[in-house]
């Protein structure tokens, strides 16, 4: 199945799963599960949420192996994407200066900032056990995925 096709299906499923639910944790939990079960060649999908009191990203709902709990803003791929409010695609995490290796099996990563009502609340983080897993097509459809999630939360 072409990548665009499965992403269109995933985004349609997300809209159906979220329905009228507005609880952020419930929506993030189902979103992580949907991505983890639907995307080929990934080993982690989840969210890090911004905690104002500590000025850090804190582990949120996810699917995959045990993960790092706290990430400083500007640190690693997640902290950098959050700080710069931009999607980051890292084709080979071993070449990303300051990469935080929560799972040694992860070889590539994509991180998308999550903004609700104009406020950055965290990031969507997806890891893969192969290099060069993510490209501009993944970015496009995962940013749409984030917009669907943001609209419902």
Protein backbone atom coordinates (compact mmCIF):
# COMPACT_ATOMS: atom_id res chain seq x y z
CA UNK A 1 0.00 0.00 0.00
CA UNK A 2 1.42 3.44 -0.89
CA UNK A 3 2.46 5.57 2.07
CA UNK A 4 -0.09 8.28 1.24
CA UNK A 5 -2.89 5.71 1.30
CA UNK A 6 -2.15 4.37 4.75
CA UNK A 7 -1.69 7.86 6.14
CA UNK A 8 -5.06 8.97 4.74
CA UNK A 9 -6.61 5.91 6.40
CA UNK A 10 -4.84 6.59 9.72
CA UNK A 11 -6.00 10.22 9.74
CA UNK A 12 -9.56 9.16 8.93
CA UNK A 13 -9.40 6.59 11.75
CA UNK A 14 -8.08 9.24 14.14
CA UNK A 15 -11.05 11.51 13.45
CA UNK A 16 -13.41 8.59 14.08
CA UNK A 17 -11.63 7.46 17.26
CA UNK A 18 -11.57 10.96 18.73
CA UNK A 19 -15.18 11.70 17.88
CA UNK A 20 -16.38 14.43 20.22
CA UNK A 21 -13.93 13.52 23.01
CA UNK A 22 -12.01 16.52 24.33
CA UNK A 23 -10.00 14.90 27.16
CA UNK A 24 -6.38 15.46 26.21
CA UNK A 25 -4.93 12.37 27.91
CA UNK A 26 -7.57 10.06 26.44
CA UNK A 27 -7.02 11.51 22.97
CA UNK A 28 -3.22 11.31 23.21
CA UNK A 29 -3.44 7.72 24.46
CA UNK A 30 -5.59 6.54 21.57
CA UNK A 31 -3.51 8.55 19.11
CA UNK A 32 -0.29 6.88 20.25
CA UNK A 33 -1.89 3.44 20.04
CA UNK A 34 -3.27 4.13 16.56
CA UNK A 35 0.13 5.21 15.25
CA UNK A 36 2.00 2.35 16.92
CA UNK A 37 -0.39 -0.26 15.54
CA UNK A 38 -0.69 1.28 12.06
CA UNK A 39 2.71 2.55 10.99
CA UNK A 40 5.21 0.06 9.58
CA UNK A 41 8.81 -0.01 10.75
CA UNK A 42 8.47 1.99 13.97
CA UNK A 43 9.35 0.98 17.52
CA UNK A 44 7.97 3.90 19.58
CA UNK A 45 5.14 6.41 19.21
CA UNK A 46 4.05 8.85 21.86
CA UNK A 47 3.99 12.28 23.36
CA UNK A 48 6.08 14.47 25.59
CA UNK A 49 4.12 17.22 27.31
CA UNK A 50 5.39 20.61 28.40
CA UNK A 51 5.51 21.11 32.16
CA UNK A 52 5.72 24.83 32.91
CA UNK A 53 6.80 24.43 36.53
CA UNK A 54 10.00 22.58 35.58
CA UNK A 55 10.32 24.04 32.05
CA UNK A 56 10.79 20.50 30.70
CA UNK A 57 9.04 18.00 28.49
CA UNK A 58 7.60 15.15 30.52
CA UNK A 59 6.68 11.71 29.19
CA UNK A 60 3.03 11.44 28.21
CA UNK A 61 0.95 8.65 26.68
CA UNK A 62 2.98 6.33 24.44
CA UNK A 63 3.34 2.86 22.95
CA UNK A 64 6.69 1.07 22.93
CA UNK A 65 9.54 0.36 25.30
CA UNK A 66 10.18 2.25 28.52
CA UNK A 67 11.19 5.84 27.71
CA UNK A 68 13.06 8.80 29.14
CA UNK A 69 10.79 10.65 31.57
CA UNK A 70 12.09 14.24 31.36
CA UNK A 71 13.74 16.13 28.52
CA UNK A 72 15.12 19.64 28.88
CA UNK A 73 13.83 22.22 26.42
CA UNK A 74 16.39 22.45 23.63
CA UNK A 75 17.89 19.02 24.40
CA UNK A 76 17.73 16.08 22.03
CA UNK A 77 15.38 15.88 19.08
CA UNK A 78 12.21 16.40 21.14
CA UNK A 79 13.51 19.35 23.13
CA UNK A 80 14.88 21.00 19.99
CA UNK A 81 11.65 20.54 18.00
CA UNK A 82 9.67 21.98 20.91
CA UNK A 83 12.00 24.94 21.43
CA UNK A 84 12.03 25.84 17.72
CA UNK A 85 8.34 24.94 17.20
CA UNK A 86 9.24 23.01 14.06
CA UNK A 87 9.04 19.44 12.85
CA UNK A 88 12.36 17.62 12.88
CA UNK A 89 13.20 14.59 10.78
CA UNK A 90 16.39 12.84 11.85
CA UNK A 91 17.45 10.22 9.33
CA UNK A 92 20.22 8.85 11.56
CA UNK A 93 20.00 9.68 15.27
CA UNK A 94 23.67 8.79 15.80
CA UNK A 95 24.52 11.90 13.75
CA UNK A 96 22.22 14.27 15.69
CA UNK A 97 24.34 16.24 18.14
CA UNK A 98 22.91 15.81 21.63
CA UNK A 99 20.58 12.93 20.73
CA UNK A 100 19.09 11.35 23.86
CA UNK A 101 19.18 7.57 23.43
CA UNK A 102 16.23 6.24 25.40
CA UNK A 103 16.20 3.06 23.29
CA UNK A 104 19.43 1.93 21.62
CA UNK A 105 17.34 0.20 18.94
CA UNK A 106 16.05 3.54 17.60
CA UNK A 107 17.91 4.66 14.47
CA UNK A 108 15.72 7.46 13.06
CA UNK A 109 13.08 9.81 14.44
CA UNK A 110 10.44 12.38 13.60
CA UNK A 111 9.13 14.92 16.11
CA UNK A 112 6.13 17.20 15.53
CA UNK A 113 5.24 20.07 17.91
CA UNK A 114 1.70 20.02 19.29
CA UNK A 115 0.01 23.42 19.62
CA UNK A 116 -3.47 23.87 21.11
CA UNK A 117 -5.18 27.26 21.12
CA UNK A 118 -1.91 28.92 20.14
CA UNK A 119 0.03 27.37 23.03
CA UNK A 120 2.78 24.76 22.61
CA UNK A 121 1.77 21.83 24.81
CA UNK A 122 4.31 19.23 23.76
CA UNK A 123 5.50 17.04 20.91
CA UNK A 124 4.56 13.89 19.03
CA UNK A 125 7.64 11.65 18.86
CA UNK A 126 7.98 8.59 16.62
CA UNK A 127 11.10 6.41 16.51
CA UNK A 128 12.12 3.72 14.04
CA UNK A 129 14.62 0.85 14.27
CA UNK A 130 15.94 1.67 10.78
CA UNK A 131 17.74 4.72 9.40
CA UNK A 132 16.05 6.98 6.84
CA UNK A 133 12.56 5.84 7.92
CA UNK A 134 10.92 9.27 7.76
CA UNK A 135 10.61 11.72 4.86
CA UNK A 136 8.57 14.74 3.73
CA UNK A 137 5.53 12.54 3.07
CA UNK A 138 5.60 11.31 6.68
CA UNK A 139 6.02 14.90 7.83
CA UNK A 140 3.06 16.13 5.79
CA UNK A 141 0.63 13.46 6.98
CA UNK A 142 1.84 13.44 10.59
CA UNK A 143 1.44 17.22 10.75
CA UNK A 144 -2.15 16.70 9.51
CA UNK A 145 -2.53 14.01 12.19
CA UNK A 146 -1.39 16.55 14.81
CA UNK A 147 -3.89 19.13 13.49
CA UNK A 148 -6.76 16.64 13.81
CA UNK A 149 -5.62 15.87 17.36
CA UNK A 150 -5.26 19.58 18.22
CA UNK A 151 -8.73 20.36 16.91
CA UNK A 152 -10.26 17.79 19.27
CA UNK A 153 -8.35 18.54 22.44
